Full PDB file with SEQRES, HELIX, SHEET, SSBOND, CRYST1, ORIGX, SCALE, CONECT and MASTER records, all heavy atoms in Angstrom:
SEQRES   1 A   39  ALA GLY LEU PHE VAL VAL GLY PHE ASP GLN GLY HIS VAL          
SEQRES   2 A   39  PHE SER LEU VAL TYR GLY GLU GLN ALA PHE GLU ASP LEU          
SEQRES   3 A   39  TYR ILE HIS GLU LEU THR HIS ASP MET ARG HIS ALA ALA          
HELIX    1 AA1 GLY A    2  LEU A    3  1                                   2    
HELIX    2 AA2 PHE A    4  PHE A    8  3                                   5    
HELIX    3 AA3 SER A   15  TYR A   18  1                                   4    
HELIX    4 AA4 GLN A   21  ASP A   25  1                                   5    
HELIX    5 AA5 TYR A   27  LEU A   31  1                                   5    
HELIX    6 AA6 HIS A   33  ALA A   38  1                                   6    
CRYST1    1.000    1.000    1.000  90.00  90.00  90.00 P 1           1          
ORIGX1      1.000000  0.000000  0.000000        0.00000                         
ORIGX2      0.000000  1.000000  0.000000        0.00000                         
ORIGX3      0.000000  0.000000  1.000000        0.00000                         
SCALE1      1.000000  0.000000  0.000000        0.00000                         
SCALE2      0.000000  1.000000  0.000000        0.00000                         
SCALE3      0.000000  0.000000  1.000000        0.00000                         
ATOM      1  N   ALA A   1       0.898  -1.222  -0.030  1.00  0.00           N  
ATOM      2  CA  ALA A   1      -0.011  -0.111   0.050  1.00  0.00           C  
ATOM      3  C   ALA A   1       0.898   1.260  -0.001  1.00  0.00           C  
ATOM      4  O   ALA A   1       0.628   2.268  -0.666  1.00  0.00           O  
ATOM      5  CB  ALA A   1      -0.879   0.049   1.206  1.00  0.00           C  
ATOM      6  N   GLY A   2       1.928   1.254   0.843  1.00  0.00           N  
ATOM      7  CA  GLY A   2       2.778   2.382   0.811  1.00  0.00           C  
ATOM      8  C   GLY A   2       3.535   2.560  -0.475  1.00  0.00           C  
ATOM      9  O   GLY A   2       3.783   3.822  -1.008  1.00  0.00           O  
ATOM     10  N   LEU A   3       4.010   1.488  -1.121  1.00  0.00           N  
ATOM     11  CA  LEU A   3       4.657   1.660  -2.450  1.00  0.00           C  
ATOM     12  C   LEU A   3       3.622   2.161  -3.470  1.00  0.00           C  
ATOM     13  O   LEU A   3       4.065   2.978  -4.245  1.00  0.00           O  
ATOM     14  CB  LEU A   3       5.039   0.249  -2.867  1.00  0.00           C  
ATOM     15  CG  LEU A   3       5.826   0.184  -4.219  1.00  0.00           C  
ATOM     16  CD1 LEU A   3       7.190   1.009  -4.095  1.00  0.00           C  
ATOM     17  CD2 LEU A   3       6.072  -1.251  -4.582  1.00  0.00           C  
ATOM     18  N   PHE A   4       2.486   1.761  -3.439  1.00  0.00           N  
ATOM     19  CA  PHE A   4       1.420   2.310  -4.373  1.00  0.00           C  
ATOM     20  C   PHE A   4       1.206   3.838  -4.077  1.00  0.00           C  
ATOM     21  O   PHE A   4       1.258   4.619  -5.086  1.00  0.00           O  
ATOM     22  CB  PHE A   4       0.099   1.590  -4.224  1.00  0.00           C  
ATOM     23  CG  PHE A   4      -0.990   2.239  -5.076  1.00  0.00           C  
ATOM     24  CD1 PHE A   4      -1.012   2.187  -6.429  1.00  0.00           C  
ATOM     25  CD2 PHE A   4      -1.999   3.008  -4.435  1.00  0.00           C  
ATOM     26  CE1 PHE A   4      -2.038   2.777  -7.176  1.00  0.00           C  
ATOM     27  CE2 PHE A   4      -2.925   3.627  -5.098  1.00  0.00           C  
ATOM     28  CZ  PHE A   4      -3.012   3.622  -6.527  1.00  0.00           C  
ATOM     29  N   VAL A   5       1.102   4.248  -2.907  1.00  0.00           N  
ATOM     30  CA  VAL A   5       0.763   5.615  -2.567  1.00  0.00           C  
ATOM     31  C   VAL A   5       1.918   6.531  -2.932  1.00  0.00           C  
ATOM     32  O   VAL A   5       1.823   7.512  -3.473  1.00  0.00           O  
ATOM     33  CB  VAL A   5       0.427   5.717  -1.125  1.00  0.00           C  
ATOM     34  CG1 VAL A   5       0.405   7.269  -0.668  1.00  0.00           C  
ATOM     35  CG2 VAL A   5      -1.000   5.096  -0.766  1.00  0.00           C  
ATOM     36  N   VAL A   6       3.130   6.111  -2.623  1.00  0.00           N  
ATOM     37  CA  VAL A   6       4.344   6.948  -2.882  1.00  0.00           C  
ATOM     38  C   VAL A   6       4.634   6.896  -4.405  1.00  0.00           C  
ATOM     39  O   VAL A   6       5.028   7.898  -4.982  1.00  0.00           O  
ATOM     40  CB  VAL A   6       5.474   6.457  -2.010  1.00  0.00           C  
ATOM     41  CG1 VAL A   6       6.799   7.218  -2.394  1.00  0.00           C  
ATOM     42  CG2 VAL A   6       5.232   6.808  -0.569  1.00  0.00           C  
ATOM     43  N   GLY A   7       4.618   5.656  -4.944  1.00  0.00           N  
ATOM     44  CA  GLY A   7       5.173   5.516  -6.285  1.00  0.00           C  
ATOM     45  C   GLY A   7       4.158   5.720  -7.441  1.00  0.00           C  
ATOM     46  O   GLY A   7       4.566   6.206  -8.410  1.00  0.00           O  
ATOM     47  N   PHE A   8       2.999   5.302  -7.306  1.00  0.00           N  
ATOM     48  CA  PHE A   8       2.076   5.232  -8.437  1.00  0.00           C  
ATOM     49  C   PHE A   8       0.746   5.994  -8.318  1.00  0.00           C  
ATOM     50  O   PHE A   8       0.125   6.149  -9.327  1.00  0.00           O  
ATOM     51  CB  PHE A   8       1.773   3.794  -8.702  1.00  0.00           C  
ATOM     52  CG  PHE A   8       3.001   2.870  -9.025  1.00  0.00           C  
ATOM     53  CD1 PHE A   8       3.431   2.023  -8.063  1.00  0.00           C  
ATOM     54  CD2 PHE A   8       3.681   2.998 -10.210  1.00  0.00           C  
ATOM     55  CE1 PHE A   8       4.525   1.274  -8.260  1.00  0.00           C  
ATOM     56  CE2 PHE A   8       4.695   2.269 -10.475  1.00  0.00           C  
ATOM     57  CZ  PHE A   8       5.265   1.357  -9.416  1.00  0.00           C  
ATOM     58  N   ASP A   9       0.481   6.584  -7.236  1.00  0.00           N  
ATOM     59  CA  ASP A   9      -0.726   7.290  -7.022  1.00  0.00           C  
ATOM     60  C   ASP A   9      -0.772   8.489  -7.751  1.00  0.00           C  
ATOM     61  O   ASP A   9       0.187   9.352  -7.707  1.00  0.00           O  
ATOM     62  CB  ASP A   9      -1.047   7.541  -5.562  1.00  0.00           C  
ATOM     63  CG  ASP A   9      -2.369   8.147  -5.355  1.00  0.00           C  
ATOM     64  OD1 ASP A   9      -3.322   7.606  -5.779  1.00  0.00           O  
ATOM     65  OD2 ASP A   9      -2.399   9.381  -4.888  1.00  0.00           O  
ATOM     66  N   GLN A  10      -1.842   8.701  -8.621  1.00  0.00           N  
ATOM     67  CA  GLN A  10      -1.958   9.954  -9.357  1.00  0.00           C  
ATOM     68  C   GLN A  10      -3.352  10.482  -9.140  1.00  0.00           C  
ATOM     69  O   GLN A  10      -4.069  11.017 -10.045  1.00  0.00           O  
ATOM     70  CB  GLN A  10      -1.809   9.661 -10.905  1.00  0.00           C  
ATOM     71  CG  GLN A  10      -0.385   9.355 -11.285  1.00  0.00           C  
ATOM     72  CD  GLN A  10       0.561  10.463 -11.171  1.00  0.00           C  
ATOM     73  OE1 GLN A  10       0.237  11.650 -11.282  1.00  0.00           O  
ATOM     74  NE2 GLN A  10       1.854  10.019 -10.846  1.00  0.00           N  
ATOM     75  N   GLY A  11      -3.820  10.412  -7.800  1.00  0.00           N  
ATOM     76  CA  GLY A  11      -5.146  10.892  -7.490  1.00  0.00           C  
ATOM     77  C   GLY A  11      -6.041   9.727  -7.287  1.00  0.00           C  
ATOM     78  O   GLY A  11      -7.238   9.973  -6.753  1.00  0.00           O  
ATOM     79  N   HIS A  12      -5.663   8.487  -7.412  1.00  0.00           N  
ATOM     80  CA  HIS A  12      -6.482   7.389  -7.124  1.00  0.00           C  
ATOM     81  C   HIS A  12      -7.070   7.283  -5.747  1.00  0.00           C  
ATOM     82  O   HIS A  12      -8.197   6.878  -5.610  1.00  0.00           O  
ATOM     83  CB  HIS A  12      -5.842   6.028  -7.580  1.00  0.00           C  
ATOM     84  CG  HIS A  12      -5.322   6.060  -8.978  1.00  0.00           C  
ATOM     85  ND1 HIS A  12      -4.168   6.482  -9.328  1.00  0.00           N  
ATOM     86  CD2 HIS A  12      -5.999   5.733 -10.130  1.00  0.00           C  
ATOM     87  CE1 HIS A  12      -4.067   6.295 -10.618  1.00  0.00           C  
ATOM     88  NE2 HIS A  12      -5.188   5.897 -11.173  1.00  0.00           N  
ATOM     89  N   VAL A  13      -6.263   7.475  -4.708  1.00  0.00           N  
ATOM     90  CA  VAL A  13      -6.727   7.330  -3.410  1.00  0.00           C  
ATOM     91  C   VAL A  13      -7.810   8.313  -2.939  1.00  0.00           C  
ATOM     92  O   VAL A  13      -8.814   7.854  -2.525  1.00  0.00           O  
ATOM     93  CB  VAL A  13      -5.479   7.349  -2.428  1.00  0.00           C  
ATOM     94  CG1 VAL A  13      -5.857   7.393  -0.949  1.00  0.00           C  
ATOM     95  CG2 VAL A  13      -4.456   6.322  -2.670  1.00  0.00           C  
ATOM     96  N   PHE A  14      -7.533   9.535  -3.246  1.00  0.00           N  
ATOM     97  CA  PHE A  14      -8.465  10.576  -2.885  1.00  0.00           C  
ATOM     98  C   PHE A  14      -9.602  10.635  -3.841  1.00  0.00           C  
ATOM     99  O   PHE A  14     -10.751  11.174  -3.553  1.00  0.00           O  
ATOM    100  CB  PHE A  14      -7.909  11.958  -2.791  1.00  0.00           C  
ATOM    101  CG  PHE A  14      -7.050  12.164  -1.505  1.00  0.00           C  
ATOM    102  CD1 PHE A  14      -6.005  12.954  -1.564  1.00  0.00           C  
ATOM    103  CD2 PHE A  14      -7.587  11.652  -0.368  1.00  0.00           C  
ATOM    104  CE1 PHE A  14      -5.343  13.138  -0.229  1.00  0.00           C  
ATOM    105  CE2 PHE A  14      -6.819  11.788   0.746  1.00  0.00           C  
ATOM    106  CZ  PHE A  14      -5.755  12.639   0.853  1.00  0.00           C  
ATOM    107  N   SER A  15      -9.580   9.952  -4.939  1.00  0.00           N  
ATOM    108  CA  SER A  15     -10.715   9.939  -5.946  1.00  0.00           C  
ATOM    109  C   SER A  15     -12.010   9.166  -5.407  1.00  0.00           C  
ATOM    110  O   SER A  15     -13.117   9.448  -5.690  1.00  0.00           O  
ATOM    111  CB  SER A  15     -10.436   9.262  -7.250  1.00  0.00           C  
ATOM    112  OG  SER A  15     -10.177   8.018  -7.055  1.00  0.00           O  
ATOM    113  N   LEU A  16     -11.632   8.310  -4.301  1.00  0.00           N  
ATOM    114  CA  LEU A  16     -12.739   7.637  -3.623  1.00  0.00           C  
ATOM    115  C   LEU A  16     -13.627   8.648  -2.805  1.00  0.00           C  
ATOM    116  O   LEU A  16     -14.713   8.410  -2.639  1.00  0.00           O  
ATOM    117  CB  LEU A  16     -12.248   6.564  -2.692  1.00  0.00           C  
ATOM    118  CG  LEU A  16     -11.385   5.481  -3.420  1.00  0.00           C  
ATOM    119  CD1 LEU A  16     -10.705   4.612  -2.312  1.00  0.00           C  
ATOM    120  CD2 LEU A  16     -12.282   4.735  -4.391  1.00  0.00           C  
ATOM    121  N   VAL A  17     -13.059   9.650  -2.443  1.00  0.00           N  
ATOM    122  CA  VAL A  17     -13.718  10.704  -1.592  1.00  0.00           C  
ATOM    123  C   VAL A  17     -14.138  11.913  -2.468  1.00  0.00           C  
ATOM    124  O   VAL A  17     -15.254  12.417  -2.335  1.00  0.00           O  
ATOM    125  CB  VAL A  17     -12.924  11.094  -0.399  1.00  0.00           C  
ATOM    126  CG1 VAL A  17     -13.607  12.169   0.424  1.00  0.00           C  
ATOM    127  CG2 VAL A  17     -12.462   9.985   0.514  1.00  0.00           C  
ATOM    128  N   TYR A  18     -13.057  12.439  -3.179  1.00  0.00           N  
ATOM    129  CA  TYR A  18     -13.311  13.727  -3.897  1.00  0.00           C  
ATOM    130  C   TYR A  18     -13.712  13.597  -5.330  1.00  0.00           C  
ATOM    131  O   TYR A  18     -14.076  14.578  -5.996  1.00  0.00           O  
ATOM    132  CB  TYR A  18     -11.942  14.551  -3.955  1.00  0.00           C  
ATOM    133  CG  TYR A  18     -11.637  15.006  -2.490  1.00  0.00           C  
ATOM    134  CD1 TYR A  18     -10.439  14.583  -2.022  1.00  0.00           C  
ATOM    135  CD2 TYR A  18     -12.463  15.811  -1.766  1.00  0.00           C  
ATOM    136  CE1 TYR A  18     -10.033  14.977  -0.696  1.00  0.00           C  
ATOM    137  CE2 TYR A  18     -12.023  16.303  -0.531  1.00  0.00           C  
ATOM    138  CZ  TYR A  18     -10.950  15.823   0.063  1.00  0.00           C  
ATOM    139  OH  TYR A  18     -10.502  16.132   1.227  1.00  0.00           O  
ATOM    140  N   GLY A  19     -13.781  12.434  -5.855  1.00  0.00           N  
ATOM    141  CA  GLY A  19     -14.233  12.190  -7.191  1.00  0.00           C  
ATOM    142  C   GLY A  19     -13.207  12.622  -8.309  1.00  0.00           C  
ATOM    143  O   GLY A  19     -11.920  12.549  -7.998  1.00  0.00           O  
ATOM    144  N   GLU A  20     -13.673  13.050  -9.389  1.00  0.00           N  
ATOM    145  CA  GLU A  20     -12.771  13.356 -10.424  1.00  0.00           C  
ATOM    146  C   GLU A  20     -11.726  14.559 -10.115  1.00  0.00           C  
ATOM    147  O   GLU A  20     -10.707  14.659 -10.787  1.00  0.00           O  
ATOM    148  CB  GLU A  20     -13.491  13.755 -11.727  1.00  0.00           C  
ATOM    149  CG  GLU A  20     -14.281  12.554 -12.287  1.00  0.00           C  
ATOM    150  CD  GLU A  20     -13.286  11.524 -12.872  1.00  0.00           C  
ATOM    151  OE1 GLU A  20     -12.256  11.842 -13.400  1.00  0.00           O  
ATOM    152  OE2 GLU A  20     -13.635  10.264 -12.620  1.00  0.00           O  
ATOM    153  N   GLN A  21     -12.179  15.479  -9.266  1.00  0.00           N  
ATOM    154  CA  GLN A  21     -11.304  16.539  -8.865  1.00  0.00           C  
ATOM    155  C   GLN A  21      -9.985  16.143  -8.265  1.00  0.00           C  
ATOM    156  O   GLN A  21      -8.941  16.787  -8.410  1.00  0.00           O  
ATOM    157  CB  GLN A  21     -12.046  17.531  -7.855  1.00  0.00           C  
ATOM    158  CG  GLN A  21     -11.325  18.717  -7.473  1.00  0.00           C  
ATOM    159  CD  GLN A  21     -11.178  19.672  -8.632  1.00  0.00           C  
ATOM    160  OE1 GLN A  21     -12.032  19.716  -9.544  1.00  0.00           O  
ATOM    161  NE2 GLN A  21     -10.101  20.304  -8.623  1.00  0.00           N  
ATOM    162  N   ALA A  22      -9.986  14.967  -7.656  1.00  0.00           N  
ATOM    163  CA  ALA A  22      -8.682  14.390  -7.092  1.00  0.00           C  
ATOM    164  C   ALA A  22      -7.623  14.164  -8.149  1.00  0.00           C  
ATOM    165  O   ALA A  22      -6.444  14.168  -7.905  1.00  0.00           O  
ATOM    166  CB  ALA A  22      -8.971  13.133  -6.310  1.00  0.00           C  
ATOM    167  N   PHE A  23      -7.987  13.838  -9.380  1.00  0.00           N  
ATOM    168  CA  PHE A  23      -7.065  13.644 -10.436  1.00  0.00           C  
ATOM    169  C   PHE A  23      -6.414  14.924 -10.931  1.00  0.00           C  
ATOM    170  O   PHE A  23      -5.366  14.915 -11.542  1.00  0.00           O  
ATOM    171  CB  PHE A  23      -7.698  12.881 -11.667  1.00  0.00           C  
ATOM    172  CG  PHE A  23      -8.124  11.462 -11.271  1.00  0.00           C  
ATOM    173  CD1 PHE A  23      -9.402  11.179 -11.110  1.00  0.00           C  
ATOM    174  CD2 PHE A  23      -7.246  10.449 -11.187  1.00  0.00           C  
ATOM    175  CE1 PHE A  23      -9.828   9.868 -10.836  1.00  0.00           C  
ATOM    176  CE2 PHE A  23      -7.504   9.188 -10.809  1.00  0.00           C  
ATOM    177  CZ  PHE A  23      -8.849   8.860 -10.580  1.00  0.00           C  
ATOM    178  N   GLU A  24      -7.035  15.927 -10.576  1.00  0.00           N  
ATOM    179  CA  GLU A  24      -6.404  17.270 -10.993  1.00  0.00           C  
ATOM    180  C   GLU A  24      -5.633  17.940  -9.865  1.00  0.00           C  
ATOM    181  O   GLU A  24      -4.610  18.535 -10.090  1.00  0.00           O  
ATOM    182  CB  GLU A  24      -7.549  18.274 -11.442  1.00  0.00           C  
ATOM    183  CG  GLU A  24      -8.266  17.857 -12.682  1.00  0.00           C  
ATOM    184  CD  GLU A  24      -9.478  18.721 -12.987  1.00  0.00           C  
ATOM    185  OE1 GLU A  24      -9.451  19.888 -12.414  1.00  0.00           O  
ATOM    186  OE2 GLU A  24     -10.355  18.349 -13.697  1.00  0.00           O  
ATOM    187  N   ASP A  25      -6.079  17.631  -8.632  1.00  0.00           N  
ATOM    188  CA  ASP A  25      -5.284  18.208  -7.474  1.00  0.00           C  
ATOM    189  C   ASP A  25      -4.157  17.460  -7.019  1.00  0.00           C  
ATOM    190  O   ASP A  25      -3.073  18.102  -6.647  1.00  0.00           O  
ATOM    191  CB  ASP A  25      -6.345  18.312  -6.274  1.00  0.00           C  
ATOM    192  CG  ASP A  25      -7.462  19.257  -6.476  1.00  0.00           C  
ATOM    193  OD1 ASP A  25      -7.271  20.203  -7.339  1.00  0.00           O  
ATOM    194  OD2 ASP A  25      -8.450  19.172  -5.861  1.00  0.00           O  
ATOM    195  N   LEU A  26      -4.175  16.144  -7.192  1.00  0.00           N  
ATOM    196  CA  LEU A  26      -2.899  15.288  -6.788  1.00  0.00           C  
ATOM    197  C   LEU A  26      -2.294  15.591  -5.535  1.00  0.00           C  
ATOM    198  O   LEU A  26      -1.051  15.903  -5.375  1.00  0.00           O  
ATOM    199  CB  LEU A  26      -1.800  15.438  -7.982  1.00  0.00           C  
ATOM    200  CG  LEU A  26      -2.268  15.092  -9.368  1.00  0.00           C  
ATOM    201  CD1 LEU A  26      -1.124  15.381 -10.348  1.00  0.00           C  
ATOM    202  CD2 LEU A  26      -2.615  13.597  -9.442  1.00  0.00           C  
ATOM    203  N   TYR A  27      -3.136  15.547  -4.510  1.00  0.00           N  
ATOM    204  CA  TYR A  27      -2.590  15.899  -3.066  1.00  0.00           C  
ATOM    205  C   TYR A  27      -1.468  14.961  -2.617  1.00  0.00           C  
ATOM    206  O   TYR A  27      -0.351  15.386  -2.245  1.00  0.00           O  
ATOM    207  CB  TYR A  27      -3.859  15.757  -2.162  1.00  0.00           C  
ATOM    208  CG  TYR A  27      -4.869  16.797  -2.263  1.00  0.00           C  
ATOM    209  CD1 TYR A  27      -6.161  16.409  -2.474  1.00  0.00           C  
ATOM    210  CD2 TYR A  27      -4.496  18.240  -2.198  1.00  0.00           C  
ATOM    211  CE1 TYR A  27      -7.088  17.469  -2.644  1.00  0.00           C  
ATOM    212  CE2 TYR A  27      -5.460  19.185  -2.299  1.00  0.00           C  
ATOM    213  CZ  TYR A  27      -6.822  18.709  -2.520  1.00  0.00           C  
ATOM    214  OH  TYR A  27      -7.765  19.704  -2.662  1.00  0.00           O  
ATOM    215  N   ILE A  28      -1.691  13.662  -2.761  1.00  0.00           N  
ATOM    216  CA  ILE A  28      -0.631  12.819  -2.361  1.00  0.00           C  
ATOM    217  C   ILE A  28       0.668  12.854  -3.119  1.00  0.00           C  
ATOM    218  O   ILE A  28       1.799  12.813  -2.668  1.00  0.00           O  
ATOM    219  CB  ILE A  28      -1.181  11.333  -2.263  1.00  0.00           C  
ATOM    220  CG1 ILE A  28      -2.143  11.263  -1.305  1.00  0.00           C  
ATOM    221  CG2 ILE A  28      -0.012  10.309  -2.025  1.00  0.00           C  
ATOM    222  CD1 ILE A  28      -2.872   9.813  -1.122  1.00  0.00           C  
ATOM    223  N   HIS A  29       0.426  13.072  -4.437  1.00  0.00           N  
ATOM    224  CA  HIS A  29       1.539  13.228  -5.347  1.00  0.00           C  
ATOM    225  C   HIS A  29       2.422  14.504  -4.862  1.00  0.00           C  
ATOM    226  O   HIS A  29       3.636  14.347  -4.770  1.00  0.00           O  
ATOM    227  CB  HIS A  29       1.058  13.467  -6.745  1.00  0.00           C  
ATOM    228  CG  HIS A  29       2.260  13.791  -7.708  1.00  0.00           C  
ATOM    229  ND1 HIS A  29       2.974  12.764  -8.368  1.00  0.00           N  
ATOM    230  CD2 HIS A  29       2.806  14.948  -8.133  1.00  0.00           C  
ATOM    231  CE1 HIS A  29       3.887  13.418  -9.093  1.00  0.00           C  
ATOM    232  NE2 HIS A  29       3.773  14.684  -8.962  1.00  0.00           N  
ATOM    233  N   GLU A  30       1.817  15.544  -4.609  1.00  0.00           N  
ATOM    234  CA  GLU A  30       2.531  16.701  -4.146  1.00  0.00           C  
ATOM    235  C   GLU A  30       3.227  16.610  -2.761  1.00  0.00           C  
ATOM    236  O   GLU A  30       4.295  17.009  -2.528  1.00  0.00           O  
ATOM    237  CB  GLU A  30       1.573  17.925  -4.167  1.00  0.00           C  
ATOM    238  CG  GLU A  30       1.124  18.323  -5.549  1.00  0.00           C  
ATOM    239  CD  GLU A  30       2.162  18.660  -6.533  1.00  0.00           C  
ATOM    240  OE1 GLU A  30       3.239  19.222  -6.115  1.00  0.00           O  
ATOM    241  OE2 GLU A  30       2.061  18.404  -7.708  1.00  0.00           O  
ATOM    242  N   LEU A  31       2.547  15.879  -1.901  1.00  0.00           N  
ATOM    243  CA  LEU A  31       3.133  15.655  -0.570  1.00  0.00           C  
ATOM    244  C   LEU A  31       4.331  14.626  -0.565  1.00  0.00           C  
ATOM    245  O   LEU A  31       5.194  14.891   0.263  1.00  0.00           O  
ATOM    246  CB  LEU A  31       2.022  15.056   0.403  1.00  0.00           C  
ATOM    247  CG  LEU A  31       0.949  16.020   0.757  1.00  0.00           C  
ATOM    248  CD1 LEU A  31      -0.178  15.291   1.455  1.00  0.00           C  
ATOM    249  CD2 LEU A  31       1.488  17.195   1.655  1.00  0.00           C  
ATOM    250  N   THR A  32       4.277  13.691  -1.521  1.00  0.00           N  
ATOM    251  CA  THR A  32       5.354  12.731  -1.504  1.00  0.00           C  
ATOM    252  C   THR A  32       6.339  13.018  -2.751  1.00  0.00           C  
ATOM    253  O   THR A  32       7.082  12.169  -3.149  1.00  0.00           O  
ATOM    254  CB  THR A  32       4.756  11.302  -1.750  1.00  0.00           C  
ATOM    255  OG1 THR A  32       4.021  11.214  -2.935  1.00  0.00           O  
ATOM    256  CG2 THR A  32       3.944  10.979  -0.461  1.00  0.00           C  
ATOM    257  N   HIS A  33       6.275  14.198  -3.327  1.00  0.00           N  
ATOM    258  CA  HIS A  33       6.997  14.450  -4.582  1.00  0.00           C  
ATOM    259  C   HIS A  33       8.446  14.171  -4.492  1.00  0.00           C  
ATOM    260  O   HIS A  33       9.141  13.573  -5.367  1.00  0.00           O  
ATOM    261  CB  HIS A  33       6.665  15.964  -4.931  1.00  0.00           C  
ATOM    262  CG  HIS A  33       7.181  16.246  -6.335  1.00  0.00           C  
ATOM    263  ND1 HIS A  33       6.469  16.264  -7.432  1.00  0.00           N  
ATOM    264  CD2 HIS A  33       8.453  16.600  -6.816  1.00  0.00           C  
ATOM    265  CE1 HIS A  33       7.113  16.558  -8.426  1.00  0.00           C  
ATOM    266  NE2 HIS A  33       8.369  16.734  -8.098  1.00  0.00           N  
ATOM    267  N   ASP A  34       9.086  14.736  -3.421  1.00  0.00           N  
ATOM    268  CA  ASP A  34      10.557  14.710  -3.368  1.00  0.00           C  
ATOM    269  C   ASP A  34      10.944  13.140  -2.978  1.00  0.00           C  
ATOM    270  O   ASP A  34      11.935  12.706  -3.426  1.00  0.00           O  
ATOM    271  CB  ASP A  34      11.123  15.510  -2.218  1.00  0.00           C  
ATOM    272  CG  ASP A  34      10.970  17.096  -2.624  1.00  0.00           C  
ATOM    273  OD1 ASP A  34      10.936  17.275  -3.843  1.00  0.00           O  
ATOM    274  OD2 ASP A  34      11.014  17.842  -1.803  1.00  0.00           O  
ATOM    275  N   MET A  35      10.166  12.520  -2.227  1.00  0.00           N  
ATOM    276  CA  MET A  35      10.457  11.081  -1.930  1.00  0.00           C  
ATOM    277  C   MET A  35      10.259  10.303  -3.142  1.00  0.00           C  
ATOM    278  O   MET A  35      11.101   9.277  -3.331  1.00  0.00           O  
ATOM    279  CB  MET A  35       9.306  10.610  -0.875  1.00  0.00           C  
ATOM    280  CG  MET A  35       9.625   9.262  -0.328  1.00  0.00           C  
ATOM    281  SD  MET A  35       8.346   8.541   0.806  1.00  0.00           S  
ATOM    282  CE  MET A  35       7.710   9.921   1.624  1.00  0.00           C  
ATOM    283  N   ARG A  36       9.375  10.588  -4.101  1.00  0.00           N  
ATOM    284  CA  ARG A  36       9.336   9.896  -5.324  1.00  0.00           C  
ATOM    285  C   ARG A  36      10.577  10.005  -6.118  1.00  0.00           C  
ATOM    286  O   ARG A  36      11.118   9.015  -6.643  1.00  0.00           O  
ATOM    287  CB  ARG A  36       8.124  10.379  -6.150  1.00  0.00           C  
ATOM    288  CG  ARG A  36       6.690  10.223  -5.588  1.00  0.00           C  
ATOM    289  CD  ARG A  36       5.740  10.926  -6.310  1.00  0.00           C  
ATOM    290  NE  ARG A  36       5.501  10.385  -7.660  1.00  0.00           N  
ATOM    291  CZ  ARG A  36       4.370   9.732  -7.988  1.00  0.00           C  
ATOM    292  NH1 ARG A  36       3.372   9.742  -7.131  1.00  0.00           N  
ATOM    293  NH2 ARG A  36       4.240   9.287  -9.241  1.00  0.00           N  
ATOM    294  N   HIS A  37      11.173  11.238  -6.226  1.00  0.00           N  
ATOM    295  CA  HIS A  37      12.427  11.366  -6.876  1.00  0.00           C  
ATOM    296  C   HIS A  37      13.505  10.642  -6.217  1.00  0.00           C  
ATOM    297  O   HIS A  37      14.326  10.096  -6.907  1.00  0.00           O  
ATOM    298  CB  HIS A  37      12.702  12.906  -7.035  1.00  0.00           C  
ATOM    299  CG  HIS A  37      11.779  13.565  -8.160  1.00  0.00           C  
ATOM    300  ND1 HIS A  37      11.774  13.230  -9.469  1.00  0.00           N  
ATOM    301  CD2 HIS A  37      10.872  14.511  -7.963  1.00  0.00           C  
ATOM    302  CE1 HIS A  37      10.899  13.988 -10.037  1.00  0.00           C  
ATOM    303  NE2 HIS A  37      10.351  14.723  -9.153  1.00  0.00           N  
ATOM    304  N   ALA A  38      13.548  10.706  -5.011  1.00  0.00           N  
ATOM    305  CA  ALA A  38      14.615  10.065  -4.143  1.00  0.00           C  
ATOM    306  C   ALA A  38      14.555   8.587  -4.452  1.00  0.00           C  
ATOM    307  O   ALA A  38      15.570   7.878  -4.420  1.00  0.00           O  
ATOM    308  CB  ALA A  38      14.622  10.409  -2.741  1.00  0.00           C  
ATOM    309  N   ALA A  39      13.366   7.960  -4.488  1.00  0.00           N  
ATOM    310  CA  ALA A  39      13.202   6.523  -4.713  1.00  0.00           C  
ATOM    311  C   ALA A  39      13.383   6.134  -6.208  1.00  0.00           C  
ATOM    312  O   ALA A  39      13.295   4.921  -6.472  1.00  0.00           O  
ATOM    313  CB  ALA A  39      11.845   6.133  -4.082  1.00  0.00           C  
TER     314      ALA A  39                                                      
MASTER        0    0    0    6    0    0    0    6  313    1    0    3          
END                                                                             
């Protein structure tokens, strides 16, 4: 689950709550952005 959230999530997790808007906002992507590059 952590690997998916950090590495591959492009709004999928929050789309369950926020709908299509989550794919534009990318909250988790922005929060884990530097960690993604480091990994």
